[in-house]
Amino acid sequence: MLETHTRKITVELPAHLLESAQSVTGKNLKETISLGLQRIAQEKAYNDMLALEGSYQFTISMETLREDR
C-alpha cells in the first residue's frame, strides 16, 4: 500500500470491538484500524465489479482462449 498522506484523528470506539478486532488481526491498534478501512474500500470495489458481471461482451471466444494453453 502506498501512503502519500496521513491524518491524525481522535475517535471514541467501543473497547470490546477494538479488542476483538486486534485479537483477530494480531496487530497493533493503528494497523488493525488501517486494515479495517482497507477492507471496506476493497468490499466497495468488489461490489462494483460484481455489478458489472455480464455487462461486457468479450471479442474472443472461450475456445480460442483454451487453445492458447
Protein backbone atom coordinates (compact mmCIF):
# COMPACT_ATOMS: atom_id res chain seq x y z
CA MET A 1 0.00 0.00 0.00
CA LEU A 2 1.35 3.40 -1.00
CA GLU A 3 0.78 6.03 1.66
CA THR A 4 1.07 9.56 0.39
CA HIS A 5 -0.71 11.42 3.17
CA THR A 6 -1.79 10.59 6.68
CA ARG A 7 -4.27 12.20 9.04
CA LYS A 8 -4.33 12.19 12.79
CA ILE A 9 -7.83 11.66 14.17
CA THR A 10 -9.44 11.12 17.53
CA VAL A 11 -12.44 8.83 17.77
CA GLU A 12 -14.26 7.05 20.53
CA LEU A 13 -14.86 3.41 19.72
CA PRO A 14 -16.26 0.55 21.79
CA ALA A 15 -13.33 -1.10 23.59
CA HIS A 16 -14.74 -4.60 23.04
CA LEU A 17 -14.78 -4.06 19.25
CA LEU A 18 -11.18 -2.89 19.23
CA GLU A 19 -10.05 -5.78 21.42
CA SER A 20 -11.95 -8.28 19.29
CA ALA A 21 -10.53 -6.89 16.05
CA GLN A 22 -6.99 -6.84 17.42
CA SER A 23 -7.28 -10.42 18.60
CA VAL A 24 -8.30 -11.42 15.07
CA THR A 25 -5.59 -9.45 13.27
CA GLY A 26 -2.82 -9.95 15.82
CA LYS A 27 -1.71 -6.41 15.02
CA ASN A 28 -1.48 -3.15 16.94
CA LEU A 29 -4.32 -0.64 17.06
CA LYS A 30 -3.15 1.52 14.13
CA GLU A 31 -2.58 -1.49 11.87
CA THR A 32 -5.92 -3.04 12.86
CA ILE A 33 -7.87 0.12 12.08
CA SER A 34 -5.98 0.63 8.80
CA LEU A 35 -6.74 -2.96 7.81
CA GLY A 36 -10.43 -2.45 8.59
CA LEU A 37 -10.57 0.68 6.44
CA GLN A 38 -8.79 -1.13 3.60
CA ARG A 39 -11.30 -3.97 3.79
CA ILE A 40 -14.20 -1.52 3.50
CA ALA A 41 -12.64 0.03 0.37
CA GLN A 42 -11.94 -3.44 -1.09
CA GLU A 43 -15.52 -4.54 -0.46
CA LYS A 44 -16.80 -1.48 -2.33
CA ALA A 45 -14.50 -2.23 -5.30
CA TYR A 46 -15.58 -5.90 -5.26
CA ASN A 47 -19.27 -4.97 -5.23
CA ASP A 48 -18.70 -2.51 -8.09
CA MET A 49 -17.09 -5.32 -10.12
CA LEU A 50 -19.96 -7.68 -9.32
CA ALA A 51 -22.41 -5.09 -10.63
CA LEU A 52 -20.61 -5.26 -13.99
CA GLU A 53 -21.00 -9.03 -14.26
CA GLY A 54 -22.40 -9.97 -17.64
CA SER A 55 -22.30 -6.42 -18.97
CA TYR A 56 -19.10 -6.80 -21.00
CA GLN A 57 -19.05 -8.61 -24.32
CA PHE A 58 -15.73 -10.32 -24.98
CA THR A 59 -14.46 -10.32 -28.54
CA ILE A 60 -12.58 -13.59 -28.11
CA SER A 61 -14.23 -16.94 -27.56
CA MET A 62 -13.53 -19.33 -24.69
CA GLU A 63 -12.42 -21.95 -27.23
CA THR A 64 -9.74 -19.59 -28.57
CA LEU A 65 -8.55 -18.85 -25.04
CA ARG A 66 -8.31 -22.57 -24.28
CA GLU A 67 -6.29 -23.20 -27.45
CA ASP A 68 -3.56 -20.91 -26.13
CA ARG A 69 -2.76 -23.18 -23.19
